[in-house]
C-alpha atoms as a PDB file:
ATOM      1  CA  MET A   1     253.192  44.675 242.066  1.00  0.00           C
ATOM      2  CA  ALA A   2     256.339  43.998 239.730  1.00  0.00           C
ATOM      3  CA  LEU A   3     257.105  41.007 237.438  1.00  0.00           C
ATOM      4  CA  LYS A   4     259.684  38.934 237.232  1.00  0.00           C
ATOM      5  CA  ARG A   5     261.672  39.449 234.147  1.00  0.00           C
ATOM      6  CA  PRO A   6     260.947  36.371 232.705  1.00  0.00           C
ATOM      7  CA  ALA A   7     257.200  36.529 233.307  1.00  0.00           C
ATOM      8  CA  LEU A   8     257.483  40.334 232.294  1.00  0.00           C
ATOM      9  CA  ILE A   9     259.001  39.335 228.965  1.00  0.00           C
ATOM     10  CA  ALA A  10     256.430  36.857 228.565  1.00  0.00           C
ATOM     11  CA  ALA A  11     253.410  39.086 229.240  1.00  0.00           C
ATOM     12  CA  LEU A  12     255.031  41.892 226.774  1.00  0.00           C
ATOM     13  CA  THR A  13     255.050  38.882 224.233  1.00  0.00           C
ATOM     14  CA  SER A  14     251.570  37.679 224.688  1.00  0.00           C
ATOM     15  CA  ALA A  15     250.765  41.868 224.622  1.00  0.00           C
ATOM     16  CA  GLY A  16     252.541  41.829 221.034  1.00  0.00           C
ATOM     17  CA  SER A  17     250.888  38.900 219.662  1.00  0.00           C
ATOM     18  CA  ASN A  18     247.275  40.590 220.545  1.00  0.00           C
ATOM     19  CA  GLY A  19     248.315  43.976 219.164  1.00  0.00           C
ATOM     20  CA  ASP A  20     247.760  45.028 222.678  1.00  0.00           C
ATOM     21  CA  ASP A  21     249.190  48.517 223.002  1.00  0.00           C
ATOM     22  CA  ARG A  22     247.579  49.810 226.256  1.00  0.00           C
ATOM     23  CA  ALA A  23     248.848  46.059 227.756  1.00  0.00           C
ATOM     24  CA  PHE A  24     252.286  47.142 226.761  1.00  0.00           C
ATOM     25  CA  LEU A  25     252.214  50.723 228.212  1.00  0.00           C
ATOM     26  CA  ARG A  26     251.196  49.368 231.382  1.00  0.00           C
ATOM     27  CA  LEU A  27     253.699  46.450 231.711  1.00  0.00           C
ATOM     28  CA  TYR A  28     256.704  48.989 230.785  1.00  0.00           C
ATOM     29  CA  THR A  29     255.870  51.543 233.021  1.00  0.00           C
ATOM     30  CA  GLU A  30     254.906  49.234 236.047  1.00  0.00           C
ATOM     31  CA  ASN A  31     258.161  47.274 235.699  1.00  0.00           C
ATOM     32  CA  ARG A  32     262.010  47.972 235.606  1.00  0.00           C
ATOM     33  CA  ILE A  33     262.586  47.115 232.275  1.00  0.00           C
ATOM     34  CA  SER A  34     264.426  48.954 229.300  1.00  0.00           C
ATOM     35  CA  LEU A  35     262.279  49.994 226.523  1.00  0.00           C
ATOM     36  CA  GLU A  36     264.507  48.242 223.755  1.00  0.00           C
ATOM     37  CA  VAL A  37     263.803  45.342 225.433  1.00  0.00           C
ATOM     38  CA  ALA A  38     260.376  45.848 226.228  1.00  0.00           C
ATOM     39  CA  LYS A  39     259.978  46.249 222.668  1.00  0.00           C
ATOM     40  CA  ALA A  40     262.147  44.055 221.225  1.00  0.00           C
ATOM     41  CA  ALA A  41     259.441  41.301 223.220  1.00  0.00           C
ATOM     42  CA  PHE A  42     256.275  43.337 221.740  1.00  0.00           C
ATOM     43  CA  ALA A  43     257.679  42.933 218.457  1.00  0.00           C
ATOM     44  CA  ARG A  44     258.367  39.255 218.770  1.00  0.00           C
ATOM     45  CA  GLY A  45     254.584  38.680 219.899  1.00  0.00           C
ATOM     46  CA  LYS A  46     253.856  40.374 216.898  1.00  0.00           C
ATOM     47  CA  LYS A  47     255.689  38.076 214.703  1.00  0.00           C
ATOM     48  CA  ILE A  48     254.640  35.399 216.051  1.00  0.00           C
ATOM     49  CA  ALA A  49     251.014  36.330 215.516  1.00  0.00           C
ATOM     50  CA  LYS A  50     251.921  37.077 212.010  1.00  0.00           C
ATOM     51  CA  SER A  51     253.401  33.498 211.776  1.00  0.00           C
ATOM     52  CA  LEU A  52     250.220  31.966 213.355  1.00  0.00           C
ATOM     53  CA  GLN A  53     248.167  34.062 210.690  1.00  0.00           C
ATOM     54  CA  VAL A  54     249.817  32.852 207.460  1.00  0.00           C
ATOM     55  CA  ILE A  55     250.132  29.438 208.712  1.00  0.00           C
ATOM     56  CA  GLU A  56     246.396  29.133 209.108  1.00  0.00           C
ATOM     57  CA  THR A  57     245.844  31.092 206.038  1.00  0.00           C
ATOM     58  CA  CYS A  58     247.793  28.148 204.036  1.00  0.00           C
ATOM     59  CA  LYS A  59     245.495  25.332 206.116  1.00  0.00           C
ATOM     60  CA  GLU A  60     242.559  27.040 204.772  1.00  0.00           C
ATOM     61  CA  THR A  61     243.426  26.822 201.162  1.00  0.00           C
ATOM     62  CA  GLY A  62     245.050  23.529 201.191  1.00  0.00           C
ATOM     63  CA  VAL A  63     248.750  25.005 200.728  1.00  0.00           C
ATOM     64  CA  GLU A  64     251.099  22.629 201.927  1.00  0.00           C
ATOM     65  CA  VAL A  65     252.850  24.498 205.338  1.00  0.00           C
ATOM     66  CA  ALA A  66     256.330  22.898 206.011  1.00  0.00           C
ATOM     67  CA  THR A  67     257.498  23.821 209.664  1.00  0.00           C
ATOM     68  CA  ILE A  68     260.346  23.023 211.828  1.00  0.00           C
ATOM     69  CA  GLY A  69     259.708  19.194 213.543  1.00  0.00           C
ATOM     70  CA  GLY A  70     256.628  18.983 211.581  1.00  0.00           C
ATOM     71  CA  ALA A  71     254.178  20.590 214.300  1.00  0.00           C
ATOM     72  CA  ALA A  72     251.557  22.978 211.998  1.00  0.00           C
END
């Protein structure tokens, strides 16, 4: 079943944050979306995962983390 665009982009972003290439490929091939948009959502997810990893590393080492809105 094809997903609506917002749900598809969210799923692609989630696949990126988990590094799930197989989910990316399945979502891309089962839904009508451009490869450019699909890759951008996947890359955004990877960037989110990396940012969260950096924040967790800072917390573990006691380094002060500055975030927008103070939500770290």
